[in-house]
Amino acid sequence: MPQSRFDTPLQYAHGGRGKLGVEDLLRQDNRAQGLASFMKVLHNNRPHWSDEKAGFYPLRKRLVEGADSNPDAVFMVDIGGSQGQDFLRLLSHVDATEIPGRLVVQDQDHVVNAAGTGTLPSKIEKMAHDFFKPQPIQGK
């Protein structure tokens, strides 16, 4: 098991052992854009976890019922959520008014900001966050 983010199989494969983190490797040769494109295609061609009609996950029963109904409360955080694709799919299966509280997408600053202002519904908030630092949103 890797003990450091600078010494993983990814660094070994790409000659960056001991000096490059995953984020550095993704910045090289526009790899981050390639990863984003791959993830979009991967997720767009599969049933989404929030599609209750597909029988995938009982979203309303397990998450919505009994959730904090305060509109300022955070309902869900998508850590590493890129530009909000997962929450967009969620909102294609569940009306935004059914979801209590806020949906927060967290990723690196340059990633969340690649989704321009106004491209996400108001229910989805973008938040830049460094995954190697403490999580700023805490549940109850």
C-alpha atoms as a PDB file:
ATOM      1  CA  MET A   1       0.000   0.000   0.000  1.00  0.00           C
ATOM      2  CA  PRO A   2       1.404   3.419  -0.903  1.00  0.00           C
ATOM      3  CA  GLN A   3       2.595   5.433   2.074  1.00  0.00           C
ATOM      4  CA  SER A   4       2.950   8.682   0.153  1.00  0.00           C
ATOM      5  CA  ARG A   5       1.091  10.395  -2.662  1.00  0.00           C
ATOM      6  CA  PHE A   6       4.497  10.791  -4.330  1.00  0.00           C
ATOM      7  CA  ASP A   7       5.290   7.056  -4.384  1.00  0.00           C
ATOM      8  CA  THR A   8       2.472   5.108  -6.036  1.00  0.00           C
ATOM      9  CA  PRO A   9       2.263   2.819  -9.082  1.00  0.00           C
ATOM     10  CA  LEU A  10       1.142   5.832 -11.128  1.00  0.00           C
ATOM     11  CA  GLN A  11       4.396   7.675 -10.418  1.00  0.00           C
ATOM     12  CA  TYR A  12       6.413   4.534 -11.143  1.00  0.00           C
ATOM     13  CA  ALA A  13       4.678   4.090 -14.511  1.00  0.00           C
ATOM     14  CA  HIS A  14       5.210   7.718 -15.533  1.00  0.00           C
ATOM     15  CA  GLY A  15       8.705   8.304 -14.139  1.00  0.00           C
ATOM     16  CA  GLY A  16       7.636  10.727 -11.450  1.00  0.00           C
ATOM     17  CA  ARG A  17       8.503   8.716  -8.338  1.00  0.00           C
ATOM     18  CA  GLY A  18       9.173  10.824  -5.290  1.00  0.00           C
ATOM     19  CA  LYS A  19       8.566  14.155  -6.977  1.00  0.00           C
ATOM     20  CA  LEU A  20       5.132  14.272  -8.615  1.00  0.00           C
ATOM     21  CA  GLY A  21       1.709  13.943  -7.093  1.00  0.00           C
ATOM     22  CA  VAL A  22      -1.280  12.706  -9.068  1.00  0.00           C
ATOM     23  CA  GLU A  23      -2.384  16.285  -9.663  1.00  0.00           C
ATOM     24  CA  ASP A  24       1.026  17.098 -11.206  1.00  0.00           C
ATOM     25  CA  LEU A  25       0.853  14.092 -13.517  1.00  0.00           C
ATOM     26  CA  LEU A  26      -2.656  15.021 -14.627  1.00  0.00           C
ATOM     27  CA  ARG A  27      -1.512  18.529 -15.555  1.00  0.00           C
ATOM     28  CA  GLN A  28       1.100  17.120 -17.934  1.00  0.00           C
ATOM     29  CA  ASP A  29       0.141  16.817 -21.594  1.00  0.00           C
ATOM     30  CA  ASN A  30      -3.485  17.818 -20.911  1.00  0.00           C
ATOM     31  CA  ARG A  31      -4.159  14.505 -19.137  1.00  0.00           C
ATOM     32  CA  ALA A  32      -6.709  16.094 -16.814  1.00  0.00           C
ATOM     33  CA  GLN A  33      -8.938  16.947 -19.789  1.00  0.00           C
ATOM     34  CA  GLY A  34      -8.591  13.376 -21.043  1.00  0.00           C
ATOM     35  CA  LEU A  35      -9.570  12.005 -17.638  1.00  0.00           C
ATOM     36  CA  ALA A  36     -12.581  14.356 -17.470  1.00  0.00           C
ATOM     37  CA  SER A  37     -13.723  13.244 -20.942  1.00  0.00           C
ATOM     38  CA  PHE A  38     -13.305   9.574 -20.021  1.00  0.00           C
ATOM     39  CA  MET A  39     -15.296   9.979 -16.805  1.00  0.00           C
ATOM     40  CA  LYS A  40     -18.102  11.781 -18.650  1.00  0.00           C
ATOM     41  CA  VAL A  41     -18.439   8.994 -21.221  1.00  0.00           C
ATOM     42  CA  LEU A  42     -18.175   6.294 -18.552  1.00  0.00           C
ATOM     43  CA  HIS A  43     -20.943   7.796 -16.442  1.00  0.00           C
ATOM     44  CA  ASN A  44     -23.237   8.873 -19.263  1.00  0.00           C
ATOM     45  CA  ASN A  45     -23.580   5.330 -20.581  1.00  0.00           C
ATOM     46  CA  ARG A  46     -24.535   3.653 -17.308  1.00  0.00           C
ATOM     47  CA  PRO A  47     -27.606   3.758 -15.117  1.00  0.00           C
ATOM     48  CA  HIS A  48     -27.190   6.407 -12.452  1.00  0.00           C
ATOM     49  CA  TRP A  49     -27.397   5.538  -8.756  1.00  0.00           C
ATOM     50  CA  SER A  50     -30.244   8.031  -8.326  1.00  0.00           C
ATOM     51  CA  ASP A  51     -32.475   6.384 -10.963  1.00  0.00           C
ATOM     52  CA  GLU A  52     -35.032   4.720  -8.718  1.00  0.00           C
ATOM     53  CA  LYS A  53     -36.989   3.468 -11.758  1.00  0.00           C
ATOM     54  CA  ALA A  54     -33.965   1.342 -12.664  1.00  0.00           C
ATOM     55  CA  GLY A  55     -34.103  -0.120  -9.150  1.00  0.00           C
ATOM     56  CA  PHE A  56     -30.560   0.963  -8.442  1.00  0.00           C
ATOM     57  CA  TYR A  57     -30.872   2.750  -5.095  1.00  0.00           C
ATOM     58  CA  PRO A  58     -33.892   3.784  -2.990  1.00  0.00           C
ATOM     59  CA  LEU A  59     -32.795   7.431  -2.873  1.00  0.00           C
ATOM     60  CA  ARG A  60     -35.920   8.956  -1.398  1.00  0.00           C
ATOM     61  CA  LYS A  61     -36.324   6.315   1.323  1.00  0.00           C
ATOM     62  CA  ARG A  62     -32.677   6.194   2.392  1.00  0.00           C
ATOM     63  CA  LEU A  63     -31.482   9.753   1.889  1.00  0.00           C
ATOM     64  CA  VAL A  64     -34.313  12.237   1.398  1.00  0.00           C
ATOM     65  CA  GLU A  65     -36.777  11.044   4.061  1.00  0.00           C
ATOM     66  CA  GLY A  66     -35.650  12.317   7.437  1.00  0.00           C
ATOM     67  CA  ALA A  67     -32.923  14.599   6.070  1.00  0.00           C
ATOM     68  CA  ASP A  68     -32.403  18.020   7.615  1.00  0.00           C
ATOM     69  CA  SER A  69     -34.976  20.242   5.914  1.00  0.00           C
ATOM     70  CA  ASN A  70     -33.111  23.480   6.633  1.00  0.00           C
ATOM     71  CA  PRO A  71     -32.351  25.008   3.200  1.00  0.00           C
ATOM     72  CA  ASP A  72     -28.911  26.080   4.490  1.00  0.00           C
ATOM     73  CA  ALA A  73     -27.998  22.533   5.528  1.00  0.00           C
ATOM     74  CA  VAL A  74     -25.762  20.527   3.206  1.00  0.00           C
ATOM     75  CA  PHE A  75     -27.618  17.517   1.826  1.00  0.00           C
ATOM     76  CA  MET A  76     -24.676  15.974  -0.044  1.00  0.00           C
ATOM     77  CA  VAL A  77     -21.061  16.722  -0.988  1.00  0.00           C
ATOM     78  CA  ASP A  78     -19.525  15.248  -4.133  1.00  0.00           C
ATOM     79  CA  ILE A  79     -15.807  15.156  -3.313  1.00  0.00           C
ATOM     80  CA  GLY A  80     -13.805  15.097  -6.520  1.00  0.00           C
ATOM     81  CA  GLY A  81     -17.039  15.983  -8.274  1.00  0.00           C
ATOM     82  CA  SER A  82     -15.359  17.641 -11.252  1.00  0.00           C
ATOM     83  CA  GLN A  83     -17.858  19.994 -12.859  1.00  0.00           C
ATOM     84  CA  GLY A  84     -21.019  18.657 -11.244  1.00  0.00           C
ATOM     85  CA  GLN A  85     -21.991  15.896 -13.692  1.00  0.00           C
ATOM     86  CA  ASP A  86     -23.114  13.492 -10.970  1.00  0.00           C
ATOM     87  CA  PHE A  87     -25.453  16.024  -9.377  1.00  0.00           C
ATOM     88  CA  LEU A  88     -26.803  16.983 -12.805  1.00  0.00           C
ATOM     89  CA  ARG A  89     -27.746  13.343 -13.319  1.00  0.00           C
ATOM     90  CA  LEU A  90     -29.272  13.246  -9.833  1.00  0.00           C
ATOM     91  CA  LEU A  91     -31.434  16.249 -10.713  1.00  0.00           C
ATOM     92  CA  SER A  92     -32.531  14.555 -13.924  1.00  0.00           C
ATOM     93  CA  HIS A  93     -34.147  11.832 -11.762  1.00  0.00           C
ATOM     94  CA  VAL A  94     -35.293  13.861  -8.759  1.00  0.00           C
ATOM     95  CA  ASP A  95     -36.802  17.330  -8.832  1.00  0.00           C
ATOM     96  CA  ALA A  96     -34.567  19.859  -7.069  1.00  0.00           C
ATOM     97  CA  THR A  97     -37.458  20.842  -4.802  1.00  0.00           C
ATOM     98  CA  GLU A  98     -37.521  17.301  -3.354  1.00  0.00           C
ATOM     99  CA  ILE A  99     -33.933  17.535  -2.170  1.00  0.00           C
ATOM    100  CA  PRO A 100     -33.635  19.313   1.156  1.00  0.00           C
ATOM    101  CA  GLY A 101     -30.597  21.501   1.614  1.00  0.00           C
ATOM    102  CA  ARG A 102     -27.604  22.122  -0.626  1.00  0.00           C
ATOM    103  CA  LEU A 103     -25.653  20.009  -3.108  1.00  0.00           C
ATOM    104  CA  VAL A 104     -21.942  20.898  -3.013  1.00  0.00           C
ATOM    105  CA  VAL A 105     -19.413  19.857  -5.664  1.00  0.00           C
ATOM    106  CA  GLN A 106     -15.818  19.886  -4.444  1.00  0.00           C
ATOM    107  CA  ASP A 107     -12.724  19.623  -6.593  1.00  0.00           C
ATOM    108  CA  GLN A 108      -9.543  21.519  -7.270  1.00  0.00           C
ATOM    109  CA  ASP A 109     -10.041  25.201  -8.048  1.00  0.00           C
ATOM    110  CA  HIS A 110      -9.185  24.933 -11.753  1.00  0.00           C
ATOM    111  CA  VAL A 111     -11.515  21.940 -12.142  1.00  0.00           C
ATOM    112  CA  VAL A 112     -14.652  23.367 -10.529  1.00  0.00           C
ATOM    113  CA  ASN A 113     -14.076  26.705 -12.234  1.00  0.00           C
ATOM    114  CA  ALA A 114     -13.906  25.047 -15.657  1.00  0.00           C
ATOM    115  CA  ALA A 115     -17.696  24.892 -15.344  1.00  0.00           C
ATOM    116  CA  GLY A 116     -18.477  28.507 -16.083  1.00  0.00           C
ATOM    117  CA  THR A 117     -20.683  30.690 -13.952  1.00  0.00           C
ATOM    118  CA  GLY A 118     -24.344  29.979 -14.564  1.00  0.00           C
ATOM    119  CA  THR A 119     -23.795  26.561 -16.160  1.00  0.00           C
ATOM    120  CA  LEU A 120     -25.069  24.673 -13.117  1.00  0.00           C
ATOM    121  CA  PRO A 121     -28.548  24.913 -11.587  1.00  0.00           C
ATOM    122  CA  SER A 122     -28.676  27.080  -8.462  1.00  0.00           C
ATOM    123  CA  LYS A 123     -29.205  23.932  -6.353  1.00  0.00           C
ATOM    124  CA  ILE A 124     -25.595  22.883  -7.101  1.00  0.00           C
ATOM    125  CA  GLU A 125     -22.776  24.864  -5.500  1.00  0.00           C
ATOM    126  CA  LYS A 126     -19.140  24.710  -6.586  1.00  0.00           C
ATOM    127  CA  MET A 127     -16.447  24.708  -3.895  1.00  0.00           C
ATOM    128  CA  ALA A 128     -12.713  24.570  -4.478  1.00  0.00           C
ATOM    129  CA  HIS A 129     -11.103  22.161  -2.012  1.00  0.00           C
ATOM    130  CA  ASP A 130      -7.693  20.550  -1.606  1.00  0.00           C
ATOM    131  CA  PHE A 131      -8.334  16.885  -0.756  1.00  0.00           C
ATOM    132  CA  PHE A 132      -5.151  16.762   1.297  1.00  0.00           C
ATOM    133  CA  LYS A 133      -6.524  19.340   3.739  1.00  0.00           C
ATOM    134  CA  PRO A 134      -9.289  18.887   6.338  1.00  0.00           C
ATOM    135  CA  GLN A 135     -12.821  18.700   5.004  1.00  0.00           C
ATOM    136  CA  PRO A 136     -14.527  22.086   5.564  1.00  0.00           C
ATOM    137  CA  ILE A 137     -18.042  20.605   5.527  1.00  0.00           C
ATOM    138  CA  GLN A 138     -18.893  18.416   8.504  1.00  0.00           C
ATOM    139  CA  GLY A 139     -22.017  16.324   8.984  1.00  0.00           C
ATOM    140  CA  LYS A 140     -23.960  15.925  12.181  1.00  0.00           C
END
